[in-house]
Amino acid sequence: QVQLVESGGGLVQAGGSLSLSCAASGSIFGIHRMGWYRQAPGNSRELVAISEPGGVTNYADSVKGRFTISIDNTKNTVYHQMNSQKTGDTDVYYCHGKILTSWTSTNDSWGRGSEVAVSS
């Protein structure tokens, strides 16, 4: 089993910055992919940023240039720096991990969600 524990988030004024982190624990052989999604009430969960194998990162168009995702493989932790925040960034942010549990097995896990609120 793999658990993802998120920390960070909170309330910030527009133009400010917040950060999130998500630590994976449990039966971890390695990290294949980790990313951040967000979801507003009544909406579907959407991809915000993802770190792929080989260090490739991808971002939603709405956050490019403002958000940065990074992974510390030694700590099995993914970080999410959110700068120049807009009121439209207000959402619950979920960490997702595709974690290697062996050379041939993976585990898909979600964090419980962290609230981010941006005031005008």
N, C-alpha and C. Protein backbone atom coordinates (compact mmCIF):
# COMPACT_ATOMS: atom_id res chain seq x y z
N GLN A 1 0.84 -1.20 0.00
CA GLN A 1 0.00 0.00 0.00
C GLN A 1 0.87 1.24 0.00
N VAL A 2 0.36 2.26 -0.66
CA VAL A 2 1.05 3.55 -0.73
C VAL A 2 0.10 4.63 -0.20
N GLN A 3 0.64 5.50 0.61
CA GLN A 3 -0.15 6.63 1.12
C GLN A 3 0.49 7.93 0.65
N LEU A 4 -0.34 8.89 0.30
CA LEU A 4 0.12 10.22 -0.07
C LEU A 4 -0.42 11.21 0.95
N VAL A 5 0.48 11.93 1.57
CA VAL A 5 0.09 12.90 2.58
C VAL A 5 0.48 14.30 2.11
N GLU A 6 -0.52 15.14 1.99
CA GLU A 6 -0.30 16.50 1.49
C GLU A 6 -0.14 17.47 2.65
N SER A 7 0.56 18.55 2.37
CA SER A 7 0.65 19.65 3.32
C SER A 7 0.77 20.95 2.54
N GLY A 8 0.44 22.04 3.22
CA GLY A 8 0.50 23.34 2.58
C GLY A 8 -0.89 23.82 2.19
N GLY A 9 -0.93 24.77 1.27
CA GLY A 9 -2.19 25.36 0.88
C GLY A 9 -2.62 26.44 1.86
N GLY A 10 -3.88 26.86 1.76
CA GLY A 10 -4.40 27.89 2.65
C GLY A 10 -4.99 29.04 1.89
N LEU A 11 -4.90 30.22 2.49
CA LEU A 11 -5.50 31.42 1.91
C LEU A 11 -4.41 32.42 1.54
N VAL A 12 -4.56 33.03 0.38
CA VAL A 12 -3.59 34.01 -0.08
C VAL A 12 -4.33 35.07 -0.88
N GLN A 13 -3.79 36.25 -0.91
CA GLN A 13 -4.36 37.29 -1.75
C GLN A 13 -3.90 37.12 -3.19
N ALA A 14 -4.68 37.61 -4.11
CA ALA A 14 -4.31 37.54 -5.52
C ALA A 14 -2.95 38.18 -5.72
N GLY A 15 -2.12 37.50 -6.51
CA GLY A 15 -0.76 37.96 -6.73
C GLY A 15 0.25 37.34 -5.81
N GLY A 16 -0.23 36.69 -4.77
CA GLY A 16 0.65 36.07 -3.79
C GLY A 16 1.05 34.66 -4.18
N SER A 17 1.71 33.99 -3.24
CA SER A 17 2.24 32.66 -3.50
C SER A 17 1.86 31.70 -2.38
N LEU A 18 1.67 30.46 -2.77
CA LEU A 18 1.47 29.37 -1.83
C LEU A 18 2.25 28.17 -2.36
N SER A 19 2.49 27.24 -1.47
CA SER A 19 3.14 26.01 -1.90
C SER A 19 2.43 24.81 -1.29
N LEU A 20 2.54 23.72 -1.99
CA LEU A 20 2.00 22.44 -1.55
C LEU A 20 3.11 21.41 -1.61
N SER A 21 3.02 20.41 -0.76
CA SER A 21 3.92 19.28 -0.86
C SER A 21 3.12 18.01 -0.63
N CYS A 22 3.64 16.91 -1.14
CA CYS A 22 2.95 15.63 -1.03
C CYS A 22 4.00 14.55 -0.87
N ALA A 23 3.98 13.89 0.26
CA ALA A 23 4.96 12.85 0.56
C ALA A 23 4.33 11.48 0.42
N ALA A 24 5.01 10.63 -0.31
CA ALA A 24 4.55 9.25 -0.48
C ALA A 24 5.25 8.35 0.53
N SER A 25 4.51 7.43 1.09
CA SER A 25 5.08 6.48 2.04
C SER A 25 4.43 5.12 1.83
N GLY A 26 5.09 4.09 2.36
CA GLY A 26 4.56 2.74 2.22
C GLY A 26 5.51 1.88 1.40
N SER A 27 4.95 0.99 0.62
CA SER A 27 5.74 0.05 -0.17
C SER A 27 6.21 0.72 -1.47
N ILE A 28 7.27 1.50 -1.35
CA ILE A 28 7.76 2.28 -2.49
C ILE A 28 9.06 1.73 -3.01
N PHE A 29 9.07 1.38 -4.28
CA PHE A 29 10.29 0.99 -4.97
C PHE A 29 10.88 2.19 -5.70
N GLY A 30 10.00 3.05 -6.16
CA GLY A 30 10.43 4.26 -6.85
C GLY A 30 9.21 5.06 -7.27
N ILE A 31 9.47 6.21 -7.85
CA ILE A 31 8.38 7.06 -8.33
C ILE A 31 8.37 7.07 -9.84
N HIS A 32 7.22 6.74 -10.40
CA HIS A 32 7.10 6.79 -11.86
C HIS A 32 6.61 8.17 -12.30
N ARG A 33 5.57 8.64 -11.66
CA ARG A 33 4.97 9.91 -12.04
C ARG A 33 4.22 10.47 -10.85
N MET A 34 4.33 11.79 -10.65
CA MET A 34 3.52 12.44 -9.62
C MET A 34 3.02 13.76 -10.16
N GLY A 35 1.87 14.15 -9.73
CA GLY A 35 1.30 15.39 -10.23
C GLY A 35 0.26 15.97 -9.32
N TRP A 36 -0.25 17.10 -9.73
CA TRP A 36 -1.28 17.81 -8.98
C TRP A 36 -2.50 18.04 -9.87
N TYR A 37 -3.65 17.81 -9.30
CA TYR A 37 -4.92 18.06 -9.95
C TYR A 37 -5.72 19.00 -9.05
N ARG A 38 -6.72 19.63 -9.62
CA ARG A 38 -7.59 20.46 -8.81
C ARG A 38 -9.03 20.25 -9.22
N GLN A 39 -9.91 20.52 -8.27
CA GLN A 39 -11.33 20.27 -8.51
C GLN A 39 -12.15 21.26 -7.70
N ALA A 40 -13.05 21.93 -8.38
CA ALA A 40 -14.02 22.80 -7.73
C ALA A 40 -15.33 22.04 -7.58
N PRO A 41 -16.15 22.40 -6.61
CA PRO A 41 -17.42 21.71 -6.40
C PRO A 41 -18.25 21.67 -7.68
N GLY A 42 -18.72 20.48 -8.03
CA GLY A 42 -19.54 20.33 -9.22
C GLY A 42 -18.76 20.18 -10.51
N ASN A 43 -17.45 20.34 -10.42
CA ASN A 43 -16.62 20.21 -11.63
C ASN A 43 -15.81 18.93 -11.60
N SER A 44 -15.31 18.55 -12.76
CA SER A 44 -14.44 17.37 -12.81
C SER A 44 -13.03 17.76 -12.38
N ARG A 45 -12.27 16.77 -11.98
CA ARG A 45 -10.90 17.01 -11.56
C ARG A 45 -10.05 17.26 -12.80
N GLU A 46 -9.24 18.30 -12.75
CA GLU A 46 -8.42 18.64 -13.91
C GLU A 46 -6.94 18.64 -13.55
N LEU A 47 -6.14 18.29 -14.53
CA LEU A 47 -4.69 18.27 -14.33
C LEU A 47 -4.16 19.69 -14.24
N VAL A 48 -3.30 19.92 -13.26
CA VAL A 48 -2.64 21.21 -13.11
C VAL A 48 -1.18 21.11 -13.53
N ALA A 49 -0.48 20.14 -12.99
CA ALA A 49 0.94 19.97 -13.29
C ALA A 49 1.31 18.52 -13.05
N ILE A 50 2.25 18.03 -13.83
CA ILE A 50 2.67 16.65 -13.68
C ILE A 50 4.15 16.53 -13.98
N SER A 51 4.81 15.67 -13.23
CA SER A 51 6.21 15.37 -13.45
C SER A 51 6.31 13.94 -13.94
N GLU A 52 6.78 13.79 -15.17
CA GLU A 52 6.84 12.49 -15.83
C GLU A 52 8.24 11.90 -15.70
N PRO A 53 8.40 10.65 -16.08
CA PRO A 53 9.73 10.04 -16.07
C PRO A 53 10.71 10.84 -16.92
N GLY A 54 11.94 10.88 -16.45
CA GLY A 54 12.96 11.62 -17.18
C GLY A 54 12.98 13.09 -16.85
N GLY A 55 12.17 13.48 -15.89
CA GLY A 55 12.16 14.88 -15.48
C GLY A 55 11.29 15.77 -16.35
N VAL A 56 10.51 15.19 -17.22
CA VAL A 56 9.62 15.98 -18.08
C VAL A 56 8.46 16.50 -17.26
N THR A 57 8.17 17.78 -17.40
CA THR A 57 7.04 18.37 -16.68
C THR A 57 6.04 18.95 -17.67
N ASN A 58 4.79 18.88 -17.31
CA ASN A 58 3.73 19.46 -18.13
C ASN A 58 2.77 20.22 -17.25
N TYR A 59 2.24 21.29 -17.78
CA TYR A 59 1.36 22.17 -17.01
C TYR A 59 0.10 22.48 -17.81
N ALA A 60 -0.97 22.73 -17.07
CA ALA A 60 -2.17 23.25 -17.72
C ALA A 60 -1.86 24.65 -18.24
N ASP A 61 -2.45 25.01 -19.36
CA ASP A 61 -2.18 26.32 -19.96
C ASP A 61 -2.45 27.45 -18.98
N SER A 62 -3.44 27.27 -18.13
CA SER A 62 -3.84 28.34 -17.22
C SER A 62 -2.81 28.64 -16.14
N VAL A 63 -1.85 27.72 -15.93
CA VAL A 63 -0.88 27.93 -14.86
C VAL A 63 0.56 28.03 -15.37
N LYS A 64 0.75 27.87 -16.66
CA LYS A 64 2.11 27.93 -17.21
C LYS A 64 2.76 29.27 -16.89
N GLY A 65 4.01 29.19 -16.44
CA GLY A 65 4.74 30.40 -16.08
C GLY A 65 4.49 30.86 -14.66
N ARG A 66 3.49 30.28 -14.00
CA ARG A 66 3.18 30.69 -12.63
C ARG A 66 3.41 29.57 -11.61
N PHE A 67 3.15 28.35 -12.01
CA PHE A 67 3.29 27.20 -11.11
C PHE A 67 4.50 26.38 -11.50
N THR A 68 5.14 25.78 -10.51
CA THR A 68 6.29 24.92 -10.76
C THR A 68 6.16 23.64 -9.94
N ILE A 69 6.32 22.51 -10.62
CA ILE A 69 6.28 21.23 -9.95
C ILE A 69 7.70 20.67 -9.91
N SER A 70 8.03 20.03 -8.80
CA SER A 70 9.35 19.40 -8.68
C SER A 70 9.24 18.18 -7.79
N ILE A 71 10.16 17.27 -7.97
CA ILE A 71 10.16 16.02 -7.19
C ILE A 71 11.51 15.85 -6.54
N ASP A 72 11.48 15.47 -5.27
CA ASP A 72 12.69 15.03 -4.57
C ASP A 72 12.58 13.52 -4.42
N ASN A 73 13.28 12.80 -5.28
CA ASN A 73 13.16 11.34 -5.26
C ASN A 73 13.75 10.74 -4.00
N THR A 74 14.66 11.43 -3.35
CA THR A 74 15.25 10.90 -2.12
C THR A 74 14.25 10.93 -0.97
N LYS A 75 13.26 11.81 -1.09
CA LYS A 75 12.24 11.93 -0.05
C LYS A 75 10.87 11.45 -0.52
N ASN A 76 10.81 10.96 -1.76
CA ASN A 76 9.53 10.53 -2.33
C ASN A 76 8.46 11.61 -2.18
N THR A 77 8.86 12.83 -2.45
CA THR A 77 7.98 13.97 -2.22
C THR A 77 7.91 14.84 -3.47
N VAL A 78 6.69 15.29 -3.80
CA VAL A 78 6.49 16.21 -4.90
C VAL A 78 6.08 17.56 -4.32
N TYR A 79 6.61 18.61 -4.91
CA TYR A 79 6.35 19.96 -4.45
C TYR A 79 5.64 20.75 -5.55
N HIS A 80 4.89 21.74 -5.11
CA HIS A 80 4.10 22.53 -6.05
C HIS A 80 4.16 23.98 -5.60
N GLN A 81 4.92 24.78 -6.31
CA GLN A 81 5.05 26.19 -5.98
C GLN A 81 4.09 26.97 -6.87
N MET A 82 3.22 27.74 -6.24
CA MET A 82 2.20 28.49 -6.98
C MET A 82 2.44 29.98 -6.76
N ASN A 83 2.85 30.65 -7.80
CA ASN A 83 3.13 32.09 -7.73
C ASN A 83 2.11 32.87 -8.54
N SER A 84 2.07 34.17 -8.31
CA SER A 84 1.17 35.07 -9.06
C SER A 84 -0.24 34.50 -9.11
N GLN A 85 -0.72 34.14 -7.96
CA GLN A 85 -2.00 33.43 -7.93
C GLN A 85 -3.17 34.32 -8.28
N LYS A 86 -4.16 33.69 -8.90
CA LYS A 86 -5.38 34.37 -9.34
C LYS A 86 -6.57 33.77 -8.59
N THR A 87 -7.65 34.53 -8.55
CA THR A 87 -8.84 34.02 -7.86
C THR A 87 -9.33 32.73 -8.50
N GLY A 88 -9.07 32.57 -9.79
CA GLY A 88 -9.46 31.34 -10.48
C GLY A 88 -8.68 30.12 -10.04
N ASP A 89 -7.62 30.30 -9.28
CA ASP A 89 -6.85 29.18 -8.76
C ASP A 89 -7.50 28.57 -7.52
N THR A 90 -8.55 29.21 -7.02
CA THR A 90 -9.24 28.68 -5.84
C THR A 90 -9.85 27.33 -6.14
N ASP A 91 -9.43 26.32 -5.42
CA ASP A 91 -9.87 24.96 -5.66
C ASP A 91 -9.35 24.07 -4.54
N VAL A 92 -9.77 22.82 -4.59
CA VAL A 92 -9.12 21.80 -3.77
C VAL A 92 -8.10 21.10 -4.66
N TYR A 93 -6.87 21.03 -4.20
CA TYR A 93 -5.79 20.46 -4.97
C TYR A 93 -5.47 19.06 -4.45
N TYR A 94 -5.38 18.14 -5.39
CA TYR A 94 -5.13 16.74 -5.05
C TYR A 94 -3.80 16.29 -5.63
N CYS A 95 -3.03 15.62 -4.80
CA CYS A 95 -1.80 15.00 -5.25
C CYS A 95 -2.12 13.62 -5.82
N HIS A 96 -1.50 13.28 -6.91
CA HIS A 96 -1.65 11.94 -7.47
C HIS A 96 -0.26 11.36 -7.71
N GLY A 97 -0.12 10.09 -7.42
CA GLY A 97 1.14 9.42 -7.66
C GLY A 97 0.96 8.08 -8.33
N LYS A 98 1.78 7.84 -9.33
CA LYS A 98 1.88 6.49 -9.90
C LYS A 98 3.21 5.97 -9.39
N ILE A 99 3.12 5.14 -8.37
CA ILE A 99 4.30 4.74 -7.60
C ILE A 99 4.71 3.32 -7.96
N LEU A 100 5.99 3.13 -8.19
CA LEU A 100 6.50 1.79 -8.43
C LEU A 100 6.59 1.05 -7.10
N THR A 101 5.95 -0.12 -7.04
CA THR A 101 6.04 -0.95 -5.84
C THR A 101 6.99 -2.13 -6.06
N SER A 102 7.41 -2.33 -7.29
CA SER A 102 8.43 -3.31 -7.64
C SER A 102 8.91 -2.93 -9.05
N TRP A 103 9.79 -3.78 -9.62
CA TRP A 103 10.25 -3.49 -10.98
C TRP A 103 9.09 -3.52 -11.98
N THR A 104 8.04 -4.27 -11.68
CA THR A 104 6.98 -4.49 -12.66
C THR A 104 5.60 -4.06 -12.18
N SER A 105 5.49 -3.55 -10.97
CA SER A 105 4.16 -3.19 -10.43
C SER A 105 4.10 -1.72 -10.05
N THR A 106 2.93 -1.14 -10.25
CA THR A 106 2.71 0.25 -9.86
C THR A 106 1.45 0.36 -9.03
N ASN A 107 1.35 1.44 -8.33
CA ASN A 107 0.20 1.73 -7.50
C ASN A 107 -0.24 3.16 -7.76
N ASP A 108 -1.52 3.34 -8.06
CA ASP A 108 -2.08 4.69 -8.25
C ASP A 108 -2.73 5.15 -6.96
N SER A 109 -2.26 6.27 -6.45
CA SER A 109 -2.81 6.77 -5.20
C SER A 109 -3.13 8.25 -5.30
N TRP A 110 -4.08 8.67 -4.47
CA TRP A 110 -4.48 10.07 -4.38
C TRP A 110 -4.32 10.56 -2.95
N GLY A 111 -3.94 11.82 -2.83
CA GLY A 111 -3.97 12.46 -1.54
C GLY A 111 -5.40 12.85 -1.20
N ARG A 112 -5.60 13.34 0.01
CA ARG A 112 -6.95 13.68 0.47
C ARG A 112 -7.42 15.04 0.00
N GLY A 113 -6.50 15.84 -0.51
CA GLY A 113 -6.88 17.15 -1.01
C GLY A 113 -6.47 18.27 -0.07
N SER A 114 -6.01 19.36 -0.64
CA SER A 114 -5.62 20.54 0.13
C SER A 114 -6.34 21.74 -0.44
N GLU A 115 -6.93 22.52 0.43
CA GLU A 115 -7.69 23.68 -0.03
C GLU A 115 -6.77 24.86 -0.29
N VAL A 116 -7.01 25.48 -1.42
CA VAL A 116 -6.31 26.72 -1.79
C VAL A 116 -7.37 27.76 -2.10
N ALA A 117 -7.29 28.87 -1.42
CA ALA A 117 -8.25 29.95 -1.65
C ALA A 117 -7.49 31.24 -1.95
N VAL A 118 -7.85 31.88 -3.04
CA VAL A 118 -7.20 33.12 -3.45
C VAL A 118 -8.24 34.23 -3.41
N SER A 119 -7.97 35.23 -2.59
CA SER A 119 -8.93 36.33 -2.45
C SER A 119 -8.51 37.51 -3.33
N SER A 120 -9.50 38.28 -3.74
CA SER A 120 -9.22 39.42 -4.62
C SER A 120 -8.86 40.67 -3.83
